[in-house]
């Protein structure tokens, strides 16, 4: 078997190594170490949770009550 590589494969490997080098240098994205990733906890930002949470109650109504409510408004 010949030891030469396909030109397309060589081009792919070159581009891949270039992009890895750019990532390591931090040119296009911040590089995070495993320690930084472990220290970062995923949670809601401060102020995104309301102080009074909403509750979704489930109630059962009589058919006559539903008909009366529908008659008083849209839909």
N, C-alpha and C. Protein backbone atom coordinates (compact mmCIF):
# COMPACT_ATOMS: atom_id res chain seq x y z
N UNK A 1 0.84 -1.18 0.00
CA UNK A 1 0.00 0.00 0.00
C UNK A 1 0.88 1.25 0.00
N UNK A 2 0.46 2.24 -0.74
CA UNK A 2 1.26 3.48 -0.75
C UNK A 2 1.09 4.25 0.55
N UNK A 3 2.13 4.97 0.93
CA UNK A 3 2.13 5.74 2.17
C UNK A 3 1.60 7.16 1.97
N UNK A 4 1.14 7.51 0.79
CA UNK A 4 0.64 8.86 0.55
C UNK A 4 -0.82 8.95 0.97
N UNK A 5 -1.19 10.15 1.41
CA UNK A 5 -2.58 10.38 1.84
C UNK A 5 -3.34 11.08 0.73
N UNK A 6 -4.61 10.87 0.76
CA UNK A 6 -5.51 11.55 -0.18
C UNK A 6 -5.43 13.06 0.07
N UNK A 7 -5.37 13.89 -0.97
CA UNK A 7 -5.29 15.34 -0.77
C UNK A 7 -6.47 15.89 0.03
N UNK A 8 -7.64 15.29 -0.12
CA UNK A 8 -8.81 15.76 0.63
C UNK A 8 -8.64 15.50 2.13
N UNK A 9 -8.06 14.34 2.45
CA UNK A 9 -7.82 14.00 3.86
C UNK A 9 -6.76 14.93 4.44
N UNK A 10 -5.72 15.20 3.67
CA UNK A 10 -4.69 16.13 4.13
C UNK A 10 -5.27 17.51 4.39
N UNK A 11 -6.13 17.99 3.52
CA UNK A 11 -6.76 19.29 3.69
C UNK A 11 -7.63 19.32 4.94
N UNK A 12 -8.37 18.22 5.17
CA UNK A 12 -9.22 18.13 6.36
C UNK A 12 -8.37 18.15 7.64
N UNK A 13 -7.29 17.36 7.65
CA UNK A 13 -6.44 17.31 8.84
C UNK A 13 -5.79 18.67 9.12
N UNK A 14 -5.38 19.35 8.08
CA UNK A 14 -4.77 20.67 8.25
C UNK A 14 -5.77 21.66 8.83
N UNK A 15 -6.98 21.66 8.30
CA UNK A 15 -8.02 22.57 8.80
C UNK A 15 -8.38 22.24 10.24
N UNK A 16 -8.43 20.96 10.56
CA UNK A 16 -8.76 20.53 11.92
C UNK A 16 -7.69 20.99 12.90
N UNK A 17 -6.44 20.78 12.55
CA UNK A 17 -5.35 21.21 13.43
C UNK A 17 -5.32 22.72 13.58
N UNK A 18 -5.62 23.45 12.52
CA UNK A 18 -5.67 24.91 12.59
C UNK A 18 -6.79 25.36 13.53
N UNK A 19 -7.95 24.73 13.44
CA UNK A 19 -9.07 25.13 14.30
C UNK A 19 -8.79 24.78 15.76
N UNK A 20 -8.12 23.66 16.00
CA UNK A 20 -7.76 23.30 17.38
C UNK A 20 -6.78 24.32 17.93
N UNK A 21 -5.83 24.73 17.12
CA UNK A 21 -4.87 25.74 17.55
C UNK A 21 -5.55 27.07 17.87
N UNK A 22 -6.52 27.45 17.04
CA UNK A 22 -7.25 28.69 17.29
C UNK A 22 -8.05 28.60 18.58
N UNK A 23 -8.63 27.45 18.84
CA UNK A 23 -9.40 27.28 20.07
C UNK A 23 -8.49 27.34 21.30
N UNK A 24 -7.34 26.71 21.22
CA UNK A 24 -6.41 26.71 22.34
C UNK A 24 -5.91 28.13 22.62
N UNK A 25 -5.68 28.90 21.58
CA UNK A 25 -5.23 30.28 21.76
C UNK A 25 -6.38 31.19 22.20
N UNK A 26 -7.61 30.72 22.12
CA UNK A 26 -8.76 31.51 22.54
C UNK A 26 -9.16 32.56 21.54
N UNK A 27 -8.88 32.33 20.27
CA UNK A 27 -9.19 33.32 19.25
C UNK A 27 -10.69 33.44 18.99
N UNK A 28 -11.40 32.35 19.06
CA UNK A 28 -12.82 32.39 18.71
C UNK A 28 -13.74 31.99 19.85
N UNK A 29 -13.22 31.40 20.88
CA UNK A 29 -14.05 31.00 22.01
C UNK A 29 -13.17 30.89 23.26
N UNK A 30 -13.78 31.08 24.39
CA UNK A 30 -13.04 30.93 25.63
C UNK A 30 -12.79 29.46 25.90
N UNK A 31 -11.57 29.13 26.24
CA UNK A 31 -11.22 27.75 26.54
C UNK A 31 -11.43 27.54 28.02
N UNK A 32 -12.14 26.52 28.38
CA UNK A 32 -12.43 26.22 29.78
C UNK A 32 -11.67 24.98 30.21
N UNK A 33 -11.11 25.04 31.39
CA UNK A 33 -10.45 23.86 31.95
C UNK A 33 -11.51 23.01 32.64
N UNK A 34 -11.23 21.74 32.86
CA UNK A 34 -12.21 20.90 33.57
C UNK A 34 -12.56 21.46 34.95
N UNK A 35 -11.60 22.10 35.61
CA UNK A 35 -11.87 22.68 36.92
C UNK A 35 -12.86 23.84 36.81
N UNK A 36 -12.71 24.66 35.76
CA UNK A 36 -13.63 25.77 35.56
C UNK A 36 -15.04 25.27 35.24
N UNK A 37 -15.11 24.21 34.45
CA UNK A 37 -16.41 23.66 34.09
C UNK A 37 -17.10 23.08 35.32
N UNK A 38 -16.34 22.37 36.17
CA UNK A 38 -16.92 21.77 37.38
C UNK A 38 -17.36 22.84 38.37
N UNK A 39 -16.62 23.95 38.43
CA UNK A 39 -16.96 25.01 39.38
C UNK A 39 -18.20 25.79 38.96
N UNK A 40 -18.50 25.78 37.69
CA UNK A 40 -19.65 26.55 37.19
C UNK A 40 -20.91 25.72 37.40
N UNK A 41 -21.82 26.24 38.15
CA UNK A 41 -23.06 25.53 38.43
C UNK A 41 -24.16 26.12 37.59
N UNK A 42 -24.94 25.26 37.00
CA UNK A 42 -26.06 25.73 36.20
C UNK A 42 -27.23 26.02 37.13
N UNK A 43 -27.69 27.25 37.08
CA UNK A 43 -28.84 27.63 37.89
C UNK A 43 -29.47 28.86 37.27
N UNK A 44 -30.59 29.23 37.82
CA UNK A 44 -31.26 30.44 37.33
C UNK A 44 -30.50 31.66 37.83
N UNK A 45 -30.54 32.70 37.03
CA UNK A 45 -29.91 33.94 37.45
C UNK A 45 -30.72 34.56 38.58
N UNK A 46 -30.08 35.39 39.37
CA UNK A 46 -30.75 36.06 40.47
C UNK A 46 -31.83 36.97 39.89
N UNK A 47 -33.02 36.88 40.45
CA UNK A 47 -34.11 37.74 40.01
C UNK A 47 -35.00 37.12 38.95
N UNK A 48 -34.68 35.91 38.49
CA UNK A 48 -35.52 35.32 37.46
C UNK A 48 -36.68 34.52 38.05
N UNK A 49 -36.64 34.26 39.35
CA UNK A 49 -37.71 33.52 39.99
C UNK A 49 -38.56 34.50 40.79
N UNK A 50 -39.86 34.50 40.54
CA UNK A 50 -40.73 35.42 41.24
C UNK A 50 -40.87 35.01 42.70
N UNK A 51 -41.10 36.00 43.55
CA UNK A 51 -41.22 35.70 44.97
C UNK A 51 -42.50 34.94 45.28
N UNK A 52 -43.58 35.21 44.53
CA UNK A 52 -44.82 34.47 44.74
C UNK A 52 -45.03 33.56 43.53
N UNK A 53 -44.78 32.29 43.73
CA UNK A 53 -44.89 31.33 42.64
C UNK A 53 -46.36 31.13 42.27
N UNK A 54 -46.61 30.86 41.01
CA UNK A 54 -47.98 30.61 40.56
C UNK A 54 -48.31 29.14 40.72
N UNK A 55 -49.57 28.86 41.01
CA UNK A 55 -50.03 27.50 41.21
C UNK A 55 -51.09 27.20 40.17
N UNK A 56 -51.03 26.02 39.60
CA UNK A 56 -52.01 25.60 38.62
C UNK A 56 -52.98 24.62 39.28
N UNK A 57 -54.11 25.13 39.78
CA UNK A 57 -55.06 24.23 40.46
C UNK A 57 -55.87 23.43 39.44
N UNK A 58 -56.30 22.31 39.87
CA UNK A 58 -57.16 21.47 39.04
C UNK A 58 -58.50 21.34 39.77
N UNK A 59 -59.55 21.87 39.17
CA UNK A 59 -60.87 21.81 39.82
C UNK A 59 -61.86 21.16 38.87
N UNK A 60 -62.89 20.60 39.44
CA UNK A 60 -63.95 19.97 38.66
C UNK A 60 -65.22 20.79 38.86
N UNK A 61 -65.85 21.17 37.75
CA UNK A 61 -67.05 21.99 37.82
C UNK A 61 -68.22 21.23 37.20
N UNK A 62 -69.40 21.58 37.66
CA UNK A 62 -70.63 21.01 37.12
C UNK A 62 -70.84 21.54 35.70
N UNK A 63 -71.48 20.78 34.85
CA UNK A 63 -71.73 21.18 33.48
C UNK A 63 -72.55 22.47 33.43
N UNK A 64 -73.52 22.63 34.34
CA UNK A 64 -74.33 23.85 34.37
C UNK A 64 -73.47 25.08 34.69
N UNK A 65 -72.50 24.93 35.59
CA UNK A 65 -71.61 26.04 35.94
C UNK A 65 -70.74 26.43 34.74
N UNK A 66 -70.24 25.45 34.03
CA UNK A 66 -69.42 25.73 32.85
C UNK A 66 -70.24 26.42 31.77
N UNK A 67 -71.47 25.95 31.55
CA UNK A 67 -72.35 26.58 30.56
C UNK A 67 -72.64 28.03 30.94
N UNK A 68 -72.87 28.30 32.23
CA UNK A 68 -73.14 29.65 32.69
C UNK A 68 -71.91 30.55 32.48
N UNK A 69 -70.71 30.04 32.77
CA UNK A 69 -69.50 30.83 32.56
C UNK A 69 -69.26 31.11 31.08
N UNK A 70 -69.51 30.14 30.24
CA UNK A 70 -69.32 30.32 28.80
C UNK A 70 -70.32 31.33 28.25
N UNK A 71 -71.50 31.40 28.82
CA UNK A 71 -72.54 32.32 28.34
C UNK A 71 -72.19 33.77 28.69
N UNK A 72 -71.34 33.97 29.70
CA UNK A 72 -71.05 35.34 30.13
C UNK A 72 -69.88 35.96 29.40
N UNK A 73 -69.09 35.18 28.67
CA UNK A 73 -67.92 35.76 28.03
C UNK A 73 -67.61 35.10 26.70
N UNK A 74 -66.48 35.51 26.14
CA UNK A 74 -66.06 34.92 24.87
C UNK A 74 -65.59 33.50 25.09
N UNK A 75 -66.00 32.62 24.22
CA UNK A 75 -65.52 31.23 24.24
C UNK A 75 -65.95 30.49 25.45
